[in-house]
Amino acid sequence: MPRKHKISILGAGRIGEALAVLLSESGDYDLLIADHQLQHVEQLIKGLKGCRPFKLEVSDKNSLKKIASFANTVISALPFHLNLEVAKCFIPLGVNYFDLTEDVATTNKVTQLAKNANCVVMPQAGLAPGYISIIASHLFKKFYKVEQLKLRVGALPVYPSNQLKYNLTWSSEGLINEYLHPCKVIRDGQLTSAQPLEGLERFSLDGSEYEAFNTSGGLGSLCETLHGKINNLDYKSIRLPGHRDLMSFLLKDLKFSKDTKTLISVLERSIGFTTQDKCIVLVEAVGMINDRLVQETFVSTIYGREINGKRLSAIQLSTAAGLAGPLDLILSGKLGKRKGLINAEEIPLDLLHKNRFGKFLKTE
């Protein structure tokens, strides 16, 4: 692919950095890395080819329009509450729009903007939502009748050392957000919702014990896509045993759900960031194949690695690859000419795993 696609990455946090590393390493994209901390961007792009910095003020429409004059594609790696303003600016201008949010309310509004759009609109790309729905869709197509799909994802420290058995590896705001809001599920064929932090279950994988519980946003658009085609569908986050009880104590008993800024501040000053993490991705499908009830399970454990001279954690790599892979397939025309809304589950898993970015999602 000749270098022709001009992409702006909005937000130079951990995922924005990982996207810059992956896309610049390919040599096929011109990148504008935009953040309100210009010095941080200038430091981040040292050693990365095809990147230039830009000072971003989301509240300044002139700032956004300058980006639109450069980019034919924009990726929002900003906090979820800023995405709608970005989408309102770029989608009407015909600039392709991708984001990483797990926030359901924001995505619903972005989806409305995608109607009759003269560009690609792909919200909720990344790991979960994103890659997890691609796997689920792949397994679903193997059955002529599906009874149940269970989606489980966890970003976990390799060396936990605190009572939460957790380290901060991505957005603290995004983490708390998914613990607070109702979770879309399909139960007995009906589209409904479940409460976050509920539905606790325990399981073993490769000799280690884990827990999983309801969290919001991980299914993306999959409930709407599979409604009427499946009896049961749910998504839960994987954590080490004991994490859920402590988070429930903080959010419910101590009522930090009403003061999330303070809770985020407490977590960020007390829980260390680590790049020594792993991402567990597990999808279990149960249904009928050749008149037999069959269970098929997809499991992958993703670890961080060094790319283009920069160390990326597992959550950085898997989330960035979960967006960069579909983006690369779409912009290169390998999925045909597309406009309007594209849901993650429309991306073929085999093409994603063969993609130069998507390959990082597959366990070796």
Protein backbone atom coordinates (compact mmCIF):
# COMPACT_ATOMS: atom_id res chain seq x y z
CA MET A 1 0.00 0.00 0.00
CA PRO A 2 1.57 3.37 -0.95
CA ARG A 3 1.82 5.97 1.77
CA LYS A 4 -1.39 7.87 1.03
CA HIS A 5 -3.65 7.59 4.04
CA LYS A 6 -3.27 10.50 6.41
CA ILE A 7 -4.39 9.58 9.90
CA SER A 8 -4.74 11.68 13.00
CA ILE A 9 -4.57 9.94 16.36
CA LEU A 10 -6.32 12.06 18.98
CA GLY A 11 -4.92 11.37 22.42
CA ALA A 12 -1.35 10.37 23.20
CA GLY A 13 -2.03 8.20 26.22
CA ARG A 14 -1.05 4.55 26.44
CA ILE A 15 -3.30 3.36 23.62
CA GLY A 16 -2.62 6.39 21.43
CA GLU A 17 1.08 5.70 21.84
CA ALA A 18 0.65 2.05 20.87
CA LEU A 19 -1.34 3.01 17.77
CA ALA A 20 1.40 5.43 16.75
CA VAL A 21 4.05 2.73 17.19
CA LEU A 22 2.15 0.13 15.14
CA LEU A 23 1.00 2.38 12.30
CA SER A 24 4.29 4.25 11.93
CA GLU A 25 6.27 1.01 11.94
CA SER A 26 4.41 -0.12 8.79
CA GLY A 27 5.66 2.89 6.83
CA ASP A 28 2.35 3.20 4.98
CA TYR A 29 0.69 5.99 6.94
CA ASP A 30 1.32 9.67 7.56
CA LEU A 31 0.40 10.34 11.17
CA LEU A 32 -0.58 13.44 13.06
CA ILE A 33 -0.44 12.75 16.81
CA ALA A 34 -2.65 15.25 18.63
CA ASP A 35 -2.80 15.84 22.37
CA HIS A 36 -3.19 18.80 24.72
CA GLN A 37 0.32 18.09 26.05
CA LEU A 38 2.47 18.95 23.06
CA GLN A 39 5.79 18.21 24.79
CA HIS A 40 4.56 14.72 25.63
CA VAL A 41 3.72 14.10 21.97
CA GLU A 42 7.11 15.38 20.83
CA GLN A 43 8.80 12.96 23.23
CA LEU A 44 6.53 10.08 22.21
CA ILE A 45 7.22 10.32 18.47
CA LYS A 46 11.01 10.38 18.77
CA GLY A 47 12.28 7.54 16.61
CA LEU A 48 8.91 7.02 14.90
CA LYS A 49 8.79 7.68 11.18
CA GLY A 50 6.02 9.55 9.42
CA CYS A 51 4.75 11.23 12.61
CA ARG A 52 4.24 14.88 13.43
CA PRO A 53 2.93 16.49 16.64
CA PHE A 54 -0.11 18.70 17.07
CA LYS A 55 -1.44 20.56 20.12
CA LEU A 56 -5.09 19.58 20.51
CA GLU A 57 -7.88 21.42 22.28
CA VAL A 58 -11.08 19.44 21.77
CA SER A 59 -13.20 22.40 22.86
CA ASP A 60 -11.65 24.54 20.11
CA LYS A 61 -13.45 23.83 16.83
CA ASN A 62 -10.71 25.57 14.85
CA SER A 63 -8.23 23.12 16.33
CA LEU A 64 -10.34 20.19 15.14
CA LYS A 65 -10.82 21.73 11.69
CA LYS A 66 -7.06 22.02 11.25
CA ILE A 67 -6.82 18.29 11.88
CA ALA A 68 -9.59 17.67 9.35
CA SER A 69 -7.59 19.57 6.71
CA PHE A 70 -4.74 17.08 7.21
CA ALA A 71 -6.40 13.75 7.89
CA ASN A 72 -8.75 11.57 5.86
CA THR A 73 -9.09 9.29 8.90
CA VAL A 74 -9.26 10.14 12.59
CA ILE A 75 -8.83 7.77 15.53
CA SER A 76 -10.10 8.94 18.89
CA ALA A 77 -7.99 7.52 21.72
CA LEU A 78 -9.40 10.21 24.02
CA PRO A 79 -11.46 9.69 27.18
CA PHE A 80 -14.89 8.40 26.17
CA HIS A 81 -16.75 11.57 27.18
CA LEU A 82 -14.86 13.55 24.49
CA ASN A 83 -15.65 11.21 21.60
CA LEU A 84 -19.02 12.65 20.69
CA GLU A 85 -17.60 16.13 20.06
CA VAL A 86 -14.91 14.60 17.87
CA ALA A 87 -17.47 12.52 15.94
CA LYS A 88 -19.75 15.55 15.45
CA CYS A 89 -16.87 17.43 13.88
CA PHE A 90 -15.33 14.82 11.59
CA ILE A 91 -18.15 12.55 10.37
CA PRO A 92 -20.12 15.34 8.62
CA LEU A 93 -16.87 16.38 6.90
CA GLY A 94 -16.48 12.87 5.44
CA VAL A 95 -13.44 12.00 7.56
CA ASN A 96 -13.31 8.30 8.50
CA TYR A 97 -13.91 7.89 12.24
CA PHE A 98 -12.67 5.14 14.59
CA ASP A 99 -12.78 5.03 18.38
CA LEU A 100 -12.04 2.68 21.28
CA THR A 101 -14.82 3.48 23.70
CA GLU A 102 -16.69 0.97 25.82
CA ASP A 103 -19.28 3.60 26.78
CA VAL A 104 -22.69 2.55 25.47
CA ALA A 105 -24.41 5.97 25.60
CA THR A 106 -21.63 7.64 23.61
CA THR A 107 -21.63 4.87 21.02
CA ASN A 108 -25.40 5.11 20.54
CA LYS A 109 -25.00 8.79 19.64
CA VAL A 110 -22.05 8.15 17.32
CA THR A 111 -24.07 5.42 15.61
CA GLN A 112 -26.82 7.93 14.86
CA LEU A 113 -24.24 10.20 13.22
CA ALA A 114 -23.18 7.28 11.01
CA LYS A 115 -26.52 7.17 9.21
CA ASN A 116 -25.97 8.28 5.60
CA ALA A 117 -22.34 9.13 6.40
CA ASN A 118 -20.02 9.57 3.43
CA CYS A 119 -17.18 7.91 5.32
CA VAL A 120 -16.40 4.88 7.44
CA VAL A 121 -17.62 5.04 11.03
CA MET A 122 -16.31 2.33 13.36
CA PRO A 123 -16.83 2.97 17.06
CA GLN A 124 -15.91 0.43 19.75
CA ALA A 125 -12.87 -1.02 18.01
CA GLY A 126 -10.02 -2.43 20.08
CA LEU A 127 -9.98 -5.47 22.37
CA ALA A 128 -13.32 -5.51 24.20
CA PRO A 129 -15.38 -4.21 22.58
CA GLY A 130 -13.78 -5.06 19.26
CA TYR A 131 -11.68 -8.18 18.86
CA ILE A 132 -13.84 -10.20 21.24
CA SER A 133 -16.89 -9.68 18.98
CA ILE A 134 -14.90 -10.71 15.92
CA ILE A 135 -14.08 -14.02 17.62
CA ALA A 136 -17.67 -14.52 18.77
CA SER A 137 -19.01 -13.92 15.25
CA HIS A 138 -16.46 -16.40 13.86
CA LEU A 139 -17.56 -19.14 16.28
CA PHE A 140 -21.26 -18.34 15.78
CA LYS A 141 -20.99 -19.04 12.05
CA LYS A 142 -19.77 -22.59 12.69
CA PHE A 143 -23.13 -23.64 14.15
CA TYR A 144 -26.51 -23.92 12.51
CA LYS A 145 -28.13 -23.18 15.88
CA VAL A 146 -26.41 -21.46 18.80
CA GLU A 147 -27.64 -21.85 22.34
CA GLN A 148 -25.05 -19.75 24.15
CA LEU A 149 -22.07 -17.45 23.67
CA LYS A 150 -19.95 -16.51 26.70
CA LEU A 151 -17.38 -13.76 26.16
CA ARG A 152 -14.67 -13.21 28.79
CA VAL A 153 -11.74 -10.79 28.67
CA GLY A 154 -9.24 -9.67 31.29
CA ALA A 155 -6.18 -7.42 31.40
CA LEU A 156 -4.24 -8.72 34.40
CA PRO A 157 -0.89 -8.14 36.09
CA VAL A 158 1.59 -10.98 35.75
CA TYR A 159 2.92 -10.22 39.24
CA PRO A 160 0.02 -8.98 41.41
CA SER A 161 1.14 -7.58 44.76
CA ASN A 162 -1.79 -5.67 46.27
CA GLN A 163 -5.15 -6.57 47.79
CA LEU A 164 -7.00 -5.65 44.59
CA LYS A 165 -4.75 -8.07 42.69
CA TYR A 166 -4.70 -5.52 39.93
CA ASN A 167 -2.45 -2.94 38.32
CA LEU A 168 -3.44 0.05 36.22
CA THR A 169 -2.70 -0.83 32.61
CA TRP A 170 -5.18 1.39 30.72
CA SER A 171 -7.61 4.26 31.35
CA SER A 172 -8.62 4.48 35.02
CA GLU A 173 -11.71 6.42 33.95
CA GLY A 174 -12.66 3.72 31.47
CA LEU A 175 -12.11 1.00 34.07
CA ILE A 176 -14.45 2.59 36.61
CA ASN A 177 -17.00 3.44 33.93
CA GLU A 178 -17.48 -0.21 32.97
CA TYR A 179 -18.07 -1.11 36.65
CA LEU A 180 -20.94 1.38 36.97
CA HIS A 181 -23.42 0.97 34.12
CA PRO A 182 -25.97 -1.71 33.15
CA CYS A 183 -24.64 -4.49 30.94
CA LYS A 184 -26.41 -5.56 27.75
CA VAL A 185 -27.14 -9.30 27.58
CA ILE A 186 -29.42 -11.71 25.76
CA ARG A 187 -31.17 -14.02 28.21
CA ASP A 188 -33.63 -16.69 27.07
CA GLY A 189 -33.79 -15.00 23.70
CA GLN A 190 -34.67 -11.59 25.12
CA LEU A 191 -32.53 -8.48 24.87
CA THR A 192 -32.19 -7.20 28.43
CA SER A 193 -29.62 -5.88 30.89
CA ALA A 194 -27.70 -7.14 33.90
CA GLN A 195 -26.13 -5.24 36.78
CA PRO A 196 -22.38 -4.54 36.76
CA LEU A 197 -20.23 -6.41 39.29
CA GLU A 198 -22.92 -9.12 39.51
CA GLY A 199 -22.96 -12.62 37.97
CA LEU A 200 -19.77 -13.65 39.75
CA GLU A 201 -18.25 -16.90 38.52
CA ARG A 202 -14.98 -18.75 39.14
CA PHE A 203 -12.98 -20.81 36.67
CA SER A 204 -9.53 -22.30 36.11
CA LEU A 205 -7.31 -21.81 33.08
CA ASP A 206 -3.86 -23.33 32.61
CA GLY A 207 -3.63 -24.10 36.32
CA SER A 208 -4.55 -20.60 37.53
CA GLU A 209 -7.74 -19.47 39.25
CA TYR A 210 -9.78 -16.53 37.97
CA GLU A 211 -13.10 -14.84 38.57
CA ALA A 212 -15.38 -13.10 36.09
CA PHE A 213 -18.32 -10.74 36.55
CA ASN A 214 -20.60 -8.45 34.55
CA THR A 215 -19.11 -5.22 33.19
CA SER A 216 -20.56 -2.72 30.76
CA GLY A 217 -19.73 -2.17 27.10
CA GLY A 218 -17.69 -5.24 26.21
CA LEU A 219 -20.25 -6.65 23.78
CA GLY A 220 -20.32 -3.56 21.59
CA SER A 221 -23.13 -4.02 19.06
CA LEU A 222 -23.19 -7.83 19.28
CA CYS A 223 -26.46 -8.01 21.20
CA GLU A 224 -28.28 -6.11 18.46
CA THR A 225 -26.56 -8.17 15.74
CA LEU A 226 -27.48 -11.54 17.29
CA HIS A 227 -30.86 -10.71 18.83
CA GLY A 228 -33.34 -13.28 17.58
CA LYS A 229 -30.57 -15.68 16.56
CA ILE A 230 -29.31 -16.87 19.94
CA ASN A 231 -30.75 -17.79 23.34
CA ASN A 232 -28.03 -16.53 25.66
CA LEU A 233 -25.18 -14.05 25.23
CA ASP A 234 -23.15 -12.23 27.86
CA TYR A 235 -19.83 -10.54 28.52
CA LYS A 236 -17.79 -10.54 31.74
CA SER A 237 -14.42 -9.14 32.75
CA ILE A 238 -11.81 -11.56 34.06
CA ARG A 239 -9.97 -10.65 37.24
CA LEU A 240 -7.94 -12.44 39.89
CA PRO A 241 -10.07 -13.79 42.79
CA GLY A 242 -11.09 -11.15 45.32
CA HIS A 243 -10.97 -8.11 43.01
CA ARG A 244 -14.71 -7.92 42.46
CA ASP A 245 -15.57 -7.91 46.19
CA LEU A 246 -13.18 -5.05 46.93
CA MET A 247 -14.40 -2.96 43.98
CA SER A 248 -17.99 -3.58 45.05
CA PHE A 249 -17.09 -2.43 48.58
CA LEU A 250 -15.52 0.77 47.22
CA LEU A 251 -18.24 1.63 44.72
CA LYS A 252 -21.32 0.52 46.64
CA ASP A 253 -20.62 0.40 50.36
CA LEU A 254 -18.30 3.44 50.44
CA LYS A 255 -20.41 5.11 47.69
CA PHE A 256 -17.49 6.06 45.47
CA SER A 257 -19.88 5.46 42.57
CA LYS A 258 -21.10 9.01 43.37
CA ASP A 259 -17.57 10.42 43.48
CA THR A 260 -15.59 8.65 40.80
CA LYS A 261 -13.02 11.44 40.47
CA THR A 262 -11.87 10.84 44.04
CA LEU A 263 -11.78 7.08 43.53
CA ILE A 264 -9.72 7.45 40.36
CA SER A 265 -7.32 9.76 42.21
CA VAL A 266 -6.97 7.24 45.04
CA LEU A 267 -6.33 4.37 42.64
CA GLU A 268 -3.79 6.29 40.57
CA ARG A 269 -1.77 7.36 43.60
CA SER A 270 -1.91 3.90 45.21
CA ILE A 271 -1.91 1.26 42.45
CA GLY A 272 1.19 1.13 40.31
CA PHE A 273 1.17 1.10 36.52
CA THR A 274 2.83 -1.93 34.94
CA THR A 275 3.81 -3.14 31.48
CA GLN A 276 4.20 -6.66 32.89
CA ASP A 277 0.67 -7.78 32.13
CA LYS A 278 -1.29 -10.29 30.09
CA CYS A 279 -4.63 -10.20 28.31
CA ILE A 280 -6.81 -13.29 28.44
CA VAL A 281 -9.43 -13.63 25.71
CA LEU A 282 -11.97 -16.45 26.04
CA VAL A 283 -15.09 -17.14 24.00
CA GLU A 284 -17.21 -20.24 24.54
CA ALA A 285 -19.94 -21.23 22.09
CA VAL A 286 -22.50 -23.99 22.64
CA GLY A 287 -24.88 -25.08 19.92
CA MET A 288 -25.83 -27.63 17.30
CA ILE A 289 -23.47 -28.97 14.62
CA ASN A 290 -24.59 -31.99 12.58
CA ASP A 291 -27.44 -32.72 15.02
CA ARG A 292 -25.09 -32.85 18.00
CA LEU A 293 -24.77 -30.42 20.89
CA VAL A 294 -21.20 -29.12 20.63
CA GLN A 295 -19.08 -26.77 22.70
CA GLU A 296 -16.24 -24.89 21.04
CA THR A 297 -13.90 -22.58 22.91
CA PHE A 298 -11.43 -19.97 21.68
CA VAL A 299 -8.70 -18.99 24.15
CA SER A 300 -5.77 -16.66 23.65
CA THR A 301 -3.33 -15.11 26.12
CA ILE A 302 -1.55 -12.03 24.79
CA TYR A 303 1.65 -10.65 26.31
CA GLY A 304 3.44 -7.37 25.72
CA ARG A 305 6.48 -7.06 23.51
CA GLU A 306 8.92 -4.57 22.05
CA ILE A 307 7.93 -3.07 18.69
CA ASN A 308 9.83 -0.40 16.81
CA GLY A 309 12.12 0.08 19.81
CA LYS A 310 9.27 0.71 22.26
CA ARG A 311 7.95 -1.66 24.90
CA LEU A 312 4.18 -2.10 24.65
CA SER A 313 2.20 -3.75 27.41
CA ALA A 314 -0.28 -6.51 26.60
CA ILE A 315 -3.29 -4.21 26.93
CA GLN A 316 -1.62 -1.54 24.80
CA LEU A 317 -0.72 -4.02 22.09
CA SER A 318 -4.01 -5.94 22.02
CA THR A 319 -6.19 -2.82 22.08
CA ALA A 320 -4.14 -1.01 19.43
CA ALA A 321 -3.95 -4.10 17.21
CA GLY A 322 -7.70 -4.61 17.63
CA LEU A 323 -8.23 -1.22 15.99
CA ALA A 324 -5.25 -1.02 13.63
CA GLY A 325 -6.01 -4.41 12.05
CA PRO A 326 -9.59 -3.58 10.98
CA LEU A 327 -8.52 -0.06 9.99
CA ASP A 328 -5.77 -1.46 7.76
CA LEU A 329 -8.15 -3.96 6.16
CA ILE A 330 -10.76 -1.26 5.51
CA LEU A 331 -8.44 1.44 4.17
CA SER A 332 -6.58 -1.02 1.95
CA GLY A 333 -9.88 -2.07 0.34
CA LYS A 334 -9.61 -5.70 1.42
CA LEU A 335 -13.19 -5.56 2.71
CA GLY A 336 -14.44 -3.81 -0.43
CA LYS A 337 -15.56 -0.21 -0.67
CA ARG A 338 -17.29 0.64 2.58
CA LYS A 339 -19.12 3.67 3.93
CA GLY A 340 -21.23 4.22 6.99
CA LEU A 341 -21.29 2.19 10.17
CA ILE A 342 -19.06 -0.88 10.43
CA ASN A 343 -19.45 -3.10 13.48
CA ALA A 344 -16.51 -5.12 14.77
CA GLU A 345 -18.28 -8.43 14.17
CA GLU A 346 -18.27 -7.73 10.42
CA ILE A 347 -14.48 -8.18 10.30
CA PRO A 348 -13.47 -11.76 9.28
CA LEU A 349 -11.27 -13.34 11.95
CA ASP A 350 -9.05 -15.16 9.46
CA LEU A 351 -8.28 -11.93 7.58
CA LEU A 352 -7.57 -10.13 10.83
CA HIS A 353 -5.10 -12.77 12.03
CA LYS A 354 -3.30 -12.61 8.67
CA ASN A 355 -3.09 -8.83 8.84
CA ARG A 356 0.26 -7.26 9.77
CA PHE A 357 -1.31 -5.66 12.87
CA GLY A 358 -3.96 -8.24 13.66
CA LYS A 359 -1.30 -10.96 13.88
CA PHE A 360 -0.34 -9.63 17.33
CA LEU A 361 -3.72 -10.76 18.65
CA LYS A 362 -3.10 -14.41 17.88
CA THR A 363 -1.31 -16.60 20.39
CA GLU A 364 1.84 -17.99 18.83
